[in-house]
Amino acid sequence: MVAEKERLEREVVAMRVAKELPDGGYVNLGIGIPTLVSNFIADESVVFYHSESGVLNCGPLAEEDEQDIDLINAGGQFLQPVDGMAFFNTVDAFAMIRGGHVDVTVLGAHQVSARGDLANWMLPERGVGNIGGAMDLAAGARQVIVAMEHTDRQNRPKIVEDCTYPITGKGCVSLIVTDLAVLQPTPEGLVLKEVAPGWSAAEVQELTDARLIIAPDLKEYEL
């Protein structure tokens, strides 16, 4: 069965997202798979990580013997210190987002629509959700990339024609990277650009609620 086929590891999804980050860019990483992205930046690239807690220019995830309780990311994971780090009030951190000074944010999602609508702050069936930085990032970041599993724990599609969960931001997502595919929302529809090794476009469509437009240059996941 398609649902039982092997999928890419979370680290591989993060590695693929890392290729999208601009050299010298200001980048915000959300909770979940996005927090892993900082581990896979090319040595020759420089990325300035931003956090709503009031940190700018931190390193990747810290090793166990380097952990500092005062230096954590959005998911509560420890970060490595780097030269030139800046610490400031959380109000200033949000002002940076709202002022359009964050180049890219990488977020997880419960659902993403074919038009790039994002739903990631509330799971109605569980009554779990918090209004927070995701709203500001969806509206204020110059580019929003979603990194997530292609389906939920019940194997239901998370990429849908129309979101049924409460919306975080309308039409804000520019790229979706999952454990099965890389997809791009466009005005014409959702374009399938890359598939995971061993997967076909038809198999990805089977696990996607939204209708897919197959890119003319469709290729295997590029790392």
N, C-alpha and C. Protein backbone atom coordinates (compact mmCIF):
# COMPACT_ATOMS: atom_id res chain seq x y z
N MET A 1 0.84 -1.19 0.00
CA MET A 1 0.00 0.00 0.00
C MET A 1 0.88 1.25 0.00
N VAL A 2 0.39 2.32 -0.68
CA VAL A 2 1.14 3.56 -0.76
C VAL A 2 1.38 4.14 0.63
N ALA A 3 0.36 4.07 1.49
CA ALA A 3 0.47 4.67 2.82
C ALA A 3 1.58 4.04 3.65
N GLU A 4 1.99 2.80 3.32
CA GLU A 4 2.98 2.09 4.11
C GLU A 4 4.39 2.18 3.52
N LYS A 5 4.54 2.85 2.39
CA LYS A 5 5.87 2.98 1.79
C LYS A 5 6.79 3.82 2.66
N GLU A 6 8.08 3.57 2.55
CA GLU A 6 9.05 4.31 3.34
C GLU A 6 9.10 5.78 2.92
N ARG A 7 9.13 6.66 3.90
CA ARG A 7 9.19 8.09 3.65
C ARG A 7 10.52 8.64 4.15
N LEU A 8 10.82 9.87 3.77
CA LEU A 8 12.07 10.49 4.17
C LEU A 8 12.07 10.84 5.66
N GLU A 9 13.25 10.77 6.25
CA GLU A 9 13.40 11.15 7.66
C GLU A 9 13.23 12.66 7.82
N ARG A 10 12.89 13.08 9.03
CA ARG A 10 12.71 14.51 9.33
C ARG A 10 13.99 15.29 9.02
N GLU A 11 15.13 14.69 9.30
CA GLU A 11 16.40 15.37 9.04
C GLU A 11 16.61 15.63 7.56
N VAL A 12 16.14 14.73 6.70
CA VAL A 12 16.29 14.92 5.26
C VAL A 12 15.39 16.06 4.78
N VAL A 13 14.19 16.15 5.34
CA VAL A 13 13.30 17.27 5.02
C VAL A 13 13.97 18.58 5.40
N ALA A 14 14.56 18.63 6.60
CA ALA A 14 15.25 19.84 7.06
C ALA A 14 16.43 20.16 6.15
N MET A 15 17.15 19.13 5.70
CA MET A 15 18.29 19.33 4.82
C MET A 15 17.85 19.96 3.49
N ARG A 16 16.70 19.51 2.98
CA ARG A 16 16.19 20.06 1.72
C ARG A 16 15.77 21.52 1.91
N VAL A 17 15.14 21.84 3.02
CA VAL A 17 14.74 23.22 3.30
C VAL A 17 15.96 24.12 3.40
N ALA A 18 17.03 23.63 4.00
CA ALA A 18 18.24 24.44 4.18
C ALA A 18 18.77 24.97 2.86
N LYS A 19 18.54 24.24 1.76
CA LYS A 19 19.00 24.69 0.45
C LYS A 19 18.28 25.95 -0.01
N GLU A 20 17.12 26.24 0.57
CA GLU A 20 16.32 27.39 0.16
C GLU A 20 16.70 28.68 0.89
N LEU A 21 17.50 28.58 1.94
CA LEU A 21 17.79 29.76 2.75
C LEU A 21 18.86 30.62 2.08
N PRO A 22 18.62 31.92 1.97
CA PRO A 22 19.58 32.80 1.29
C PRO A 22 20.81 33.07 2.13
N ASP A 23 21.96 33.12 1.47
CA ASP A 23 23.20 33.48 2.15
C ASP A 23 23.08 34.91 2.67
N GLY A 24 23.35 35.09 3.97
CA GLY A 24 23.23 36.41 4.58
C GLY A 24 21.82 36.77 4.98
N GLY A 25 20.89 35.81 4.89
CA GLY A 25 19.49 36.09 5.20
C GLY A 25 19.18 36.04 6.68
N TYR A 26 18.10 36.73 7.05
CA TYR A 26 17.57 36.69 8.42
C TYR A 26 16.42 35.69 8.43
N VAL A 27 16.57 34.64 9.24
CA VAL A 27 15.68 33.47 9.14
C VAL A 27 15.11 33.12 10.51
N ASN A 28 13.81 32.86 10.54
CA ASN A 28 13.12 32.42 11.75
C ASN A 28 12.70 30.97 11.58
N LEU A 29 13.01 30.13 12.55
CA LEU A 29 12.67 28.71 12.48
C LEU A 29 11.61 28.37 13.52
N GLY A 30 10.51 27.79 13.06
CA GLY A 30 9.42 27.42 13.96
C GLY A 30 9.66 26.09 14.65
N ILE A 31 8.63 25.61 15.34
CA ILE A 31 8.71 24.39 16.14
C ILE A 31 8.60 23.15 15.25
N GLY A 32 9.25 22.05 15.65
CA GLY A 32 9.17 20.79 14.91
C GLY A 32 10.32 20.63 13.95
N ILE A 33 10.04 20.11 12.76
CA ILE A 33 11.07 19.91 11.74
C ILE A 33 11.87 21.20 11.48
N PRO A 34 11.23 22.38 11.43
CA PRO A 34 12.00 23.60 11.16
C PRO A 34 13.20 23.82 12.08
N THR A 35 13.11 23.40 13.34
CA THR A 35 14.23 23.63 14.26
C THR A 35 15.48 22.87 13.84
N LEU A 36 15.33 21.81 13.02
CA LEU A 36 16.47 21.01 12.59
C LEU A 36 17.24 21.65 11.44
N VAL A 37 16.63 22.62 10.78
CA VAL A 37 17.21 23.20 9.56
C VAL A 37 18.59 23.81 9.82
N SER A 38 18.77 24.40 11.00
CA SER A 38 20.04 25.08 11.28
C SER A 38 21.24 24.13 11.30
N ASN A 39 20.98 22.82 11.40
CA ASN A 39 22.08 21.85 11.41
C ASN A 39 22.63 21.55 10.02
N PHE A 40 21.98 22.06 8.97
CA PHE A 40 22.33 21.63 7.62
C PHE A 40 22.69 22.77 6.67
N ILE A 41 23.10 23.90 7.23
CA ILE A 41 23.52 25.02 6.40
C ILE A 41 24.94 24.76 5.88
N ALA A 42 25.17 25.01 4.60
CA ALA A 42 26.49 24.81 4.01
C ALA A 42 27.54 25.66 4.73
N ASP A 43 28.74 25.12 4.85
CA ASP A 43 29.81 25.80 5.59
C ASP A 43 30.13 27.19 5.04
N GLU A 44 29.97 27.34 3.72
CA GLU A 44 30.31 28.63 3.10
C GLU A 44 29.19 29.66 3.22
N SER A 45 28.04 29.27 3.77
CA SER A 45 26.89 30.18 3.88
C SER A 45 26.79 30.77 5.29
N VAL A 46 26.22 31.96 5.38
CA VAL A 46 25.98 32.61 6.67
C VAL A 46 24.49 32.90 6.77
N VAL A 47 23.86 32.42 7.83
CA VAL A 47 22.44 32.68 8.07
C VAL A 47 22.30 33.26 9.47
N PHE A 48 21.55 34.35 9.58
CA PHE A 48 21.31 34.99 10.87
C PHE A 48 19.95 34.54 11.39
N TYR A 49 19.96 33.69 12.42
CA TYR A 49 18.71 33.15 12.95
C TYR A 49 18.07 34.14 13.92
N HIS A 50 16.76 34.24 13.80
CA HIS A 50 15.97 35.17 14.61
C HIS A 50 14.97 34.37 15.43
N SER A 51 14.75 34.80 16.66
CA SER A 51 13.74 34.17 17.51
C SER A 51 12.85 35.22 18.16
N GLU A 52 11.56 34.89 18.28
CA GLU A 52 10.63 35.82 18.92
C GLU A 52 10.99 36.10 20.37
N SER A 53 11.80 35.24 20.98
CA SER A 53 12.19 35.43 22.37
C SER A 53 13.22 36.55 22.54
N GLY A 54 13.78 37.02 21.40
CA GLY A 54 14.71 38.14 21.47
C GLY A 54 16.15 37.76 21.24
N VAL A 55 16.39 36.87 20.27
CA VAL A 55 17.75 36.45 19.92
C VAL A 55 17.95 36.65 18.43
N LEU A 56 19.13 37.11 18.05
CA LEU A 56 19.49 37.22 16.64
C LEU A 56 20.92 36.73 16.48
N ASN A 57 21.12 35.87 15.46
CA ASN A 57 22.43 35.34 15.10
C ASN A 57 22.92 34.31 16.12
N CYS A 58 22.20 33.18 16.19
CA CYS A 58 22.63 32.07 17.03
C CYS A 58 23.10 30.92 16.13
N GLY A 59 23.73 29.92 16.75
CA GLY A 59 24.25 28.79 16.00
C GLY A 59 23.23 27.68 15.86
N PRO A 60 23.66 26.50 15.38
CA PRO A 60 22.78 25.35 15.27
C PRO A 60 22.48 24.76 16.64
N LEU A 61 21.81 23.61 16.68
CA LEU A 61 21.47 22.97 17.95
C LEU A 61 22.74 22.58 18.69
N ALA A 62 22.72 22.79 20.00
CA ALA A 62 23.91 22.54 20.82
C ALA A 62 24.06 21.07 21.17
N GLU A 63 25.32 20.64 21.31
CA GLU A 63 25.59 19.30 21.81
C GLU A 63 25.27 19.27 23.31
N GLU A 64 25.17 18.06 23.85
CA GLU A 64 24.75 17.92 25.24
C GLU A 64 25.66 18.66 26.22
N ASP A 65 26.95 18.69 25.94
CA ASP A 65 27.88 19.33 26.86
C ASP A 65 28.00 20.84 26.63
N GLU A 66 27.20 21.39 25.68
CA GLU A 66 27.25 22.82 25.37
C GLU A 66 25.96 23.54 25.75
N GLN A 67 25.04 22.85 26.38
CA GLN A 67 23.71 23.40 26.60
C GLN A 67 23.69 24.51 27.64
N ASP A 68 23.01 25.60 27.28
CA ASP A 68 22.87 26.77 28.15
C ASP A 68 21.37 27.04 28.33
N ILE A 69 20.88 26.99 29.53
CA ILE A 69 19.44 27.14 29.81
C ILE A 69 18.90 28.47 29.32
N ASP A 70 19.77 29.46 29.15
CA ASP A 70 19.32 30.78 28.69
C ASP A 70 19.38 30.95 27.18
N LEU A 71 19.76 29.88 26.47
CA LEU A 71 19.90 29.99 25.02
C LEU A 71 19.13 28.85 24.36
N ILE A 72 17.84 29.11 24.04
CA ILE A 72 16.99 28.08 23.46
C ILE A 72 16.23 28.64 22.26
N ASN A 73 15.72 27.73 21.43
CA ASN A 73 14.94 28.14 20.27
C ASN A 73 13.45 28.06 20.57
N ALA A 74 12.62 28.20 19.52
CA ALA A 74 11.17 28.22 19.70
C ALA A 74 10.63 26.90 20.25
N GLY A 75 11.36 25.81 20.01
CA GLY A 75 10.91 24.51 20.49
C GLY A 75 11.51 24.12 21.84
N GLY A 76 12.23 25.06 22.49
CA GLY A 76 12.83 24.78 23.77
C GLY A 76 14.12 23.98 23.67
N GLN A 77 14.69 23.88 22.46
CA GLN A 77 15.95 23.16 22.27
C GLN A 77 17.14 24.11 22.46
N PHE A 78 18.24 23.57 22.94
CA PHE A 78 19.42 24.38 23.23
C PHE A 78 20.17 24.73 21.95
N LEU A 79 20.69 25.95 21.90
CA LEU A 79 21.41 26.45 20.72
C LEU A 79 22.87 26.71 21.05
N GLN A 80 23.71 26.64 20.03
CA GLN A 80 25.12 26.98 20.20
C GLN A 80 25.30 28.50 20.13
N PRO A 81 26.12 29.07 21.00
CA PRO A 81 26.43 30.50 20.90
C PRO A 81 27.41 30.76 19.75
N VAL A 82 27.34 31.93 19.16
CA VAL A 82 28.29 32.32 18.12
C VAL A 82 28.72 33.76 18.37
N ASP A 83 29.85 34.15 17.80
CA ASP A 83 30.31 35.52 17.92
C ASP A 83 29.30 36.47 17.26
N GLY A 84 29.06 37.60 17.88
CA GLY A 84 28.16 38.58 17.29
C GLY A 84 26.69 38.36 17.60
N MET A 85 26.38 37.47 18.54
CA MET A 85 24.97 37.27 18.93
C MET A 85 24.41 38.54 19.55
N ALA A 86 23.10 38.74 19.33
CA ALA A 86 22.44 39.91 19.91
C ALA A 86 21.22 39.45 20.71
N PHE A 87 21.01 40.08 21.86
CA PHE A 87 19.86 39.78 22.70
C PHE A 87 19.08 41.07 22.91
N PHE A 88 17.76 40.98 22.83
CA PHE A 88 16.95 42.19 22.99
C PHE A 88 15.55 41.82 23.45
N ASN A 89 14.76 42.84 23.74
CA ASN A 89 13.41 42.66 24.24
C ASN A 89 12.55 41.92 23.20
N THR A 90 11.64 41.07 23.67
CA THR A 90 10.75 40.35 22.75
C THR A 90 9.89 41.31 21.93
N VAL A 91 9.62 42.49 22.48
CA VAL A 91 8.86 43.50 21.73
C VAL A 91 9.64 43.90 20.48
N ASP A 92 10.95 44.07 20.63
CA ASP A 92 11.78 44.41 19.48
C ASP A 92 11.86 43.25 18.49
N ALA A 93 11.85 42.01 19.02
CA ALA A 93 11.88 40.84 18.15
C ALA A 93 10.63 40.80 17.26
N PHE A 94 9.48 41.11 17.83
CA PHE A 94 8.25 41.14 17.04
C PHE A 94 8.21 42.35 16.11
N ALA A 95 8.81 43.44 16.54
CA ALA A 95 8.89 44.62 15.66
C ALA A 95 9.72 44.31 14.42
N MET A 96 10.73 43.47 14.58
CA MET A 96 11.55 43.07 13.44
C MET A 96 10.71 42.27 12.44
N ILE A 97 9.86 41.38 12.96
CA ILE A 97 8.97 40.60 12.08
C ILE A 97 7.97 41.52 11.40
N ARG A 98 7.29 42.34 12.19
CA ARG A 98 6.22 43.19 11.67
C ARG A 98 6.75 44.27 10.74
N GLY A 99 8.03 44.60 10.88
CA GLY A 99 8.62 45.60 10.00
C GLY A 99 9.13 45.02 8.70
N GLY A 100 8.96 43.71 8.49
CA GLY A 100 9.38 43.10 7.24
C GLY A 100 10.87 42.82 7.15
N HIS A 101 11.54 42.63 8.31
CA HIS A 101 12.99 42.45 8.31
C HIS A 101 13.42 40.99 8.41
N VAL A 102 12.44 40.06 8.41
CA VAL A 102 12.76 38.63 8.39
C VAL A 102 12.61 38.14 6.95
N ASP A 103 13.70 37.62 6.39
CA ASP A 103 13.68 37.20 4.99
C ASP A 103 12.88 35.92 4.78
N VAL A 104 13.08 34.95 5.66
CA VAL A 104 12.41 33.65 5.52
C VAL A 104 11.99 33.14 6.89
N THR A 105 10.79 32.59 6.97
CA THR A 105 10.40 31.81 8.14
C THR A 105 10.07 30.41 7.69
N VAL A 106 10.51 29.43 8.46
CA VAL A 106 10.20 28.02 8.19
C VAL A 106 9.28 27.55 9.30
N LEU A 107 8.09 27.14 8.94
CA LEU A 107 7.06 26.79 9.91
C LEU A 107 6.53 25.38 9.67
N GLY A 108 6.02 24.75 10.71
CA GLY A 108 5.25 23.53 10.57
C GLY A 108 3.81 23.88 10.26
N ALA A 109 2.99 22.88 9.98
CA ALA A 109 1.59 23.15 9.66
C ALA A 109 0.72 21.94 9.94
N HIS A 110 -0.55 22.23 10.28
CA HIS A 110 -1.57 21.19 10.35
C HIS A 110 -2.18 20.98 8.97
N GLN A 111 -2.34 22.07 8.23
CA GLN A 111 -2.86 22.03 6.86
C GLN A 111 -2.27 23.18 6.05
N VAL A 112 -2.09 22.94 4.75
CA VAL A 112 -1.77 23.99 3.79
C VAL A 112 -2.69 23.78 2.59
N SER A 113 -3.28 24.86 2.09
CA SER A 113 -4.19 24.74 0.95
C SER A 113 -3.43 24.88 -0.37
N ALA A 114 -4.11 24.55 -1.45
CA ALA A 114 -3.53 24.65 -2.79
C ALA A 114 -3.13 26.07 -3.12
N ARG A 115 -3.76 27.04 -2.48
CA ARG A 115 -3.47 28.47 -2.73
C ARG A 115 -2.43 29.02 -1.76
N GLY A 116 -1.92 28.16 -0.89
CA GLY A 116 -0.90 28.63 0.05
C GLY A 116 -1.46 29.17 1.35
N ASP A 117 -2.74 28.91 1.65
CA ASP A 117 -3.28 29.27 2.96
C ASP A 117 -2.64 28.36 4.02
N LEU A 118 -2.34 28.92 5.17
CA LEU A 118 -1.65 28.19 6.24
C LEU A 118 -2.56 28.05 7.45
N ALA A 119 -2.65 26.83 7.97
CA ALA A 119 -3.36 26.56 9.23
C ALA A 119 -2.40 25.81 10.14
N ASN A 120 -1.93 26.48 11.19
CA ASN A 120 -0.96 25.80 12.06
C ASN A 120 -1.06 26.18 13.53
N TRP A 121 -2.16 26.84 13.93
CA TRP A 121 -2.20 27.27 15.33
C TRP A 121 -3.26 26.55 16.16
N MET A 122 -4.16 25.79 15.54
CA MET A 122 -5.25 25.16 16.30
C MET A 122 -5.64 23.81 15.70
N LEU A 123 -5.77 22.79 16.57
CA LEU A 123 -6.35 21.51 16.20
C LEU A 123 -7.70 21.41 16.88
N PRO A 124 -8.79 21.74 16.17
CA PRO A 124 -10.11 21.81 16.81
C PRO A 124 -10.53 20.52 17.50
N GLU A 125 -10.22 19.36 16.90
CA GLU A 125 -10.68 18.10 17.49
C GLU A 125 -10.01 17.80 18.82
N ARG A 126 -8.84 18.41 19.06
CA ARG A 126 -8.14 18.22 20.33
C ARG A 126 -8.26 19.43 21.23
N GLY A 127 -8.78 20.52 20.72
CA GLY A 127 -8.92 21.73 21.50
C GLY A 127 -7.59 22.32 21.90
N VAL A 128 -6.56 22.09 21.06
CA VAL A 128 -5.20 22.53 21.37
C VAL A 128 -4.79 23.61 20.38
N GLY A 129 -4.31 24.73 20.91
CA GLY A 129 -3.83 25.78 20.02
C GLY A 129 -3.53 27.06 20.78
N ASN A 130 -2.60 27.83 20.24
CA ASN A 130 -2.24 29.11 20.84
C ASN A 130 -2.01 30.14 19.76
N ILE A 131 -2.63 31.30 19.92
CA ILE A 131 -2.34 32.41 19.03
C ILE A 131 -0.99 32.99 19.45
N GLY A 132 -0.09 33.12 18.48
CA GLY A 132 1.24 33.59 18.84
C GLY A 132 2.01 34.12 17.66
N GLY A 133 3.32 33.86 17.65
CA GLY A 133 4.20 34.42 16.65
C GLY A 133 3.92 33.97 15.24
N ALA A 134 3.26 32.81 15.07
CA ALA A 134 2.99 32.30 13.72
C ALA A 134 2.17 33.29 12.90
N MET A 135 1.22 33.97 13.53
CA MET A 135 0.41 34.96 12.81
C MET A 135 1.28 36.10 12.29
N ASP A 136 2.16 36.58 13.15
CA ASP A 136 3.04 37.68 12.74
C ASP A 136 3.99 37.24 11.64
N LEU A 137 4.53 36.03 11.77
CA LEU A 137 5.47 35.53 10.77
C LEU A 137 4.79 35.30 9.42
N ALA A 138 3.58 34.75 9.44
CA ALA A 138 2.85 34.50 8.20
C ALA A 138 2.58 35.80 7.45
N ALA A 139 2.37 36.88 8.22
CA ALA A 139 2.05 38.17 7.60
C ALA A 139 3.29 39.02 7.32
N GLY A 140 4.33 38.86 8.15
CA GLY A 140 5.46 39.79 8.08
C GLY A 140 6.71 39.28 7.39
N ALA A 141 6.93 37.95 7.39
CA ALA A 141 8.14 37.41 6.74
C ALA A 141 8.02 37.53 5.23
N ARG A 142 9.13 37.77 4.57
CA ARG A 142 9.12 37.94 3.11
C ARG A 142 8.83 36.64 2.40
N GLN A 143 9.23 35.51 2.99
CA GLN A 143 8.96 34.19 2.41
C GLN A 143 8.60 33.22 3.52
N VAL A 144 7.55 32.42 3.29
CA VAL A 144 7.11 31.41 4.26
C VAL A 144 7.28 30.03 3.62
N ILE A 145 8.13 29.21 4.24
CA ILE A 145 8.32 27.83 3.80
C ILE A 145 7.73 26.92 4.87
N VAL A 146 6.93 25.95 4.45
CA VAL A 146 6.37 24.96 5.38
C VAL A 146 7.17 23.68 5.28
N ALA A 147 7.61 23.15 6.42
CA ALA A 147 8.32 21.87 6.49
C ALA A 147 7.50 20.96 7.40
N MET A 148 7.04 19.82 6.86
CA MET A 148 6.14 18.98 7.64
C MET A 148 6.05 17.57 7.04
N GLU A 149 5.40 16.65 7.79
CA GLU A 149 5.03 15.37 7.22
C GLU A 149 3.88 15.59 6.23
N HIS A 150 3.80 14.73 5.22
CA HIS A 150 2.79 14.92 4.17
C HIS A 150 1.38 14.60 4.66
N THR A 151 1.28 13.69 5.63
CA THR A 151 -0.02 13.32 6.19
C THR A 151 0.06 13.36 7.72
N ASP A 152 -1.11 13.36 8.36
CA ASP A 152 -1.13 13.39 9.83
C ASP A 152 -1.02 11.97 10.39
N ARG A 153 -1.18 11.83 11.69
CA ARG A 153 -0.99 10.52 12.33
C ARG A 153 -2.03 9.50 11.92
N GLN A 154 -3.17 9.98 11.44
CA GLN A 154 -4.21 9.08 10.91
C GLN A 154 -4.08 8.90 9.40
N ASN A 155 -2.95 9.36 8.86
CA ASN A 155 -2.64 9.29 7.43
C ASN A 155 -3.61 10.09 6.57
N ARG A 156 -4.19 11.13 7.14
CA ARG A 156 -5.05 12.05 6.38
C ARG A 156 -4.18 13.12 5.74
N PRO A 157 -4.50 13.54 4.52
CA PRO A 157 -3.71 14.55 3.83
C PRO A 157 -3.66 15.86 4.62
N LYS A 158 -2.46 16.45 4.70
CA LYS A 158 -2.30 17.76 5.31
C LYS A 158 -2.24 18.86 4.24
N ILE A 159 -2.08 18.44 2.99
CA ILE A 159 -2.12 19.39 1.87
C ILE A 159 -3.47 19.23 1.20
N VAL A 160 -4.31 20.26 1.34
CA VAL A 160 -5.73 20.15 1.00
C VAL A 160 -6.14 21.22 -0.01
N GLU A 161 -7.28 21.01 -0.64
CA GLU A 161 -7.78 22.02 -1.57
C GLU A 161 -8.16 23.28 -0.81
N ASP A 162 -8.87 23.11 0.32
CA ASP A 162 -9.25 24.23 1.19
C ASP A 162 -9.05 23.82 2.64
N CYS A 163 -8.43 24.68 3.44
CA CYS A 163 -8.20 24.38 4.85
C CYS A 163 -9.52 24.27 5.60
N THR A 164 -9.63 23.25 6.45
CA THR A 164 -10.80 23.12 7.32
C THR A 164 -10.46 23.53 8.75
N TYR A 165 -9.18 23.69 9.05
CA TYR A 165 -8.75 24.17 10.36
C TYR A 165 -8.67 25.70 10.34
N PRO A 166 -8.70 26.33 11.51
CA PRO A 166 -8.60 27.80 11.58
C PRO A 166 -7.35 28.30 10.87
N ILE A 167 -7.51 29.34 10.07
CA ILE A 167 -6.44 29.86 9.23
C ILE A 167 -5.47 30.74 10.04
N THR A 168 -4.18 30.54 9.80
CA THR A 168 -3.14 31.40 10.37
C THR A 168 -2.85 32.56 9.44
N GLY A 169 -2.75 32.27 8.14
CA GLY A 169 -2.48 33.30 7.14
C GLY A 169 -3.00 32.86 5.78
N LYS A 170 -3.54 33.80 5.01
CA LYS A 170 -4.10 33.51 3.69
C LYS A 170 -3.03 33.70 2.61
N GLY A 171 -2.87 32.69 1.78
CA GLY A 171 -1.99 32.79 0.63
C GLY A 171 -0.56 33.17 0.94
N CYS A 172 -0.07 32.79 2.11
CA CYS A 172 1.26 33.25 2.55
C CYS A 172 2.38 32.25 2.25
N VAL A 173 2.04 31.00 2.01
CA VAL A 173 3.06 29.95 1.85
C VAL A 173 3.61 29.96 0.43
N SER A 174 4.93 30.03 0.30
CA SER A 174 5.56 30.06 -1.02
C SER A 174 6.13 28.70 -1.42
N LEU A 175 6.41 27.82 -0.44
CA LEU A 175 6.96 26.51 -0.75
C LEU A 175 6.61 25.54 0.37
N ILE A 176 6.31 24.29 -0.02
CA ILE A 176 6.00 23.22 0.94
C ILE A 176 7.00 22.10 0.73
N VAL A 177 7.69 21.71 1.80
CA VAL A 177 8.63 20.59 1.74
C VAL A 177 8.16 19.53 2.72
N THR A 178 7.86 18.33 2.22
CA THR A 178 7.38 17.25 3.07
C THR A 178 8.29 16.03 2.95
N ASP A 179 7.91 14.97 3.66
CA ASP A 179 8.68 13.74 3.59
C ASP A 179 8.40 12.95 2.31
N LEU A 180 7.56 13.51 1.42
CA LEU A 180 7.26 12.87 0.13
C LEU A 180 7.57 13.75 -1.07
N ALA A 181 7.54 15.08 -0.89
CA ALA A 181 7.58 15.94 -2.07
C ALA A 181 7.94 17.38 -1.73
N VAL A 182 8.27 18.12 -2.79
CA VAL A 182 8.42 19.57 -2.73
C VAL A 182 7.36 20.15 -3.65
N LEU A 183 6.54 21.06 -3.10
CA LEU A 183 5.41 21.60 -3.84
C LEU A 183 5.38 23.12 -3.73
N GLN A 184 4.85 23.77 -4.76
CA GLN A 184 4.79 25.23 -4.79
C GLN A 184 3.37 25.70 -5.09
N PRO A 185 2.73 26.41 -4.15
CA PRO A 185 1.42 26.99 -4.43
C PRO A 185 1.56 28.11 -5.46
N THR A 186 0.69 28.13 -6.45
CA THR A 186 0.68 29.18 -7.47
C THR A 186 -0.76 29.59 -7.72
N PRO A 187 -1.00 30.73 -8.39
CA PRO A 187 -2.37 31.14 -8.73
C PRO A 187 -3.11 30.08 -9.57
N GLU A 188 -2.34 29.29 -10.33
CA GLU A 188 -2.96 28.26 -11.18
C GLU A 188 -3.23 26.97 -10.43
N GLY A 189 -2.62 26.79 -9.26
CA GLY A 189 -2.78 25.57 -8.50
C GLY A 189 -1.49 25.13 -7.87
N LEU A 190 -1.49 23.93 -7.31
CA LEU A 190 -0.35 23.42 -6.55
C LEU A 190 0.57 22.62 -7.48
N VAL A 191 1.80 23.09 -7.63
CA VAL A 191 2.75 22.47 -8.56
C VAL A 191 3.65 21.48 -7.81
N LEU A 192 3.68 20.25 -8.30
CA LEU A 192 4.57 19.23 -7.75
C LEU A 192 5.91 19.35 -8.46
N LYS A 193 6.96 19.73 -7.71
CA LYS A 193 8.27 20.01 -8.29
C LYS A 193 9.26 18.86 -8.10
N GLU A 194 9.20 18.20 -6.94
CA GLU A 194 10.13 17.10 -6.64
C GLU A 194 9.39 16.01 -5.88
N VAL A 195 9.82 14.76 -6.07
CA VAL A 195 9.26 13.64 -5.31
C VAL A 195 10.39 12.92 -4.57
N ALA A 196 10.05 12.27 -3.47
CA ALA A 196 11.03 11.51 -2.71
C ALA A 196 11.49 10.30 -3.52
N PRO A 197 12.72 9.83 -3.30
CA PRO A 197 13.21 8.64 -4.01
C PRO A 197 12.25 7.46 -3.82
N GLY A 198 11.93 6.79 -4.93
CA GLY A 198 11.05 5.64 -4.88
C GLY A 198 9.57 5.97 -4.95
N TRP A 199 9.24 7.26 -5.03
CA TRP A 199 7.84 7.68 -5.10
C TRP A 199 7.54 8.26 -6.48
N SER A 200 6.31 8.02 -6.94
CA SER A 200 5.86 8.58 -8.22
C SER A 200 4.90 9.74 -7.95
N ALA A 201 4.66 10.54 -8.99
CA ALA A 201 3.71 11.64 -8.86
C ALA A 201 2.32 11.11 -8.51
N ALA A 202 1.93 9.99 -9.10
CA ALA A 202 0.61 9.41 -8.84
C ALA A 202 0.47 8.99 -7.38
N GLU A 203 1.54 8.45 -6.81
CA GLU A 203 1.50 8.03 -5.40
C GLU A 203 1.41 9.23 -4.48
N VAL A 204 2.12 10.30 -4.80
CA VAL A 204 2.02 11.53 -4.00
C VAL A 204 0.61 12.10 -4.09
N GLN A 205 0.03 12.08 -5.29
CA GLN A 205 -1.34 12.57 -5.46
C GLN A 205 -2.33 11.78 -4.62
N GLU A 206 -2.11 10.49 -4.49
CA GLU A 206 -3.00 9.64 -3.71
C GLU A 206 -3.07 10.07 -2.24
N LEU A 207 -1.99 10.69 -1.74
CA LEU A 207 -1.94 11.13 -0.35
C LEU A 207 -2.07 12.64 -0.22
N THR A 208 -2.56 13.28 -1.28
CA THR A 208 -2.75 14.73 -1.31
C THR A 208 -4.19 15.03 -1.69
N ASP A 209 -4.87 15.84 -0.87
CA ASP A 209 -6.27 16.19 -1.17
C ASP A 209 -6.35 17.17 -2.33
N ALA A 210 -5.43 18.13 -2.39
CA ALA A 210 -5.45 19.11 -3.47
C ALA A 210 -5.00 18.47 -4.78
N ARG A 211 -5.56 18.94 -5.88
CA ARG A 211 -5.15 18.45 -7.20
C ARG A 211 -3.77 18.99 -7.52
N LEU A 212 -2.88 18.12 -7.98
CA LEU A 212 -1.51 18.50 -8.27
C LEU A 212 -1.31 18.80 -9.75
N ILE A 213 -0.53 19.84 -10.01
CA ILE A 213 -0.05 20.14 -11.37
C ILE A 213 1.38 19.62 -11.44
N ILE A 214 1.64 18.69 -12.34
CA ILE A 214 2.97 18.09 -12.42
C ILE A 214 3.90 19.03 -13.19
N ALA A 215 5.00 19.43 -12.55
CA ALA A 215 5.96 20.31 -13.21
C ALA A 215 6.57 19.61 -14.42
N PRO A 216 6.78 20.32 -15.52
CA PRO A 216 7.39 19.70 -16.71
C PRO A 216 8.76 19.11 -16.43
N ASP A 217 9.47 19.70 -15.47
CA ASP A 217 10.81 19.22 -15.11
C ASP A 217 10.81 18.49 -13.77
N LEU A 218 9.71 17.79 -13.46
CA LEU A 218 9.61 17.05 -12.21
C LEU A 218 10.85 16.16 -12.03
N LYS A 219 11.42 16.20 -10.83
CA LYS A 219 12.64 15.43 -10.56
C LYS A 219 12.59 14.82 -9.17
N GLU A 220 13.58 13.99 -8.89
CA GLU A 220 13.70 13.39 -7.57
C GLU A 220 14.20 14.45 -6.59
N TYR A 221 13.79 14.30 -5.35
CA TYR A 221 14.21 15.16 -4.25
C TYR A 221 15.68 15.56 -4.40
N GLU A 222 15.97 16.83 -4.41
CA GLU A 222 17.32 17.31 -4.67
C GLU A 222 17.99 17.79 -3.39
N LEU A 223 19.10 17.17 -3.02
CA LEU A 223 19.81 17.52 -1.80
C LEU A 223 21.20 18.05 -2.11
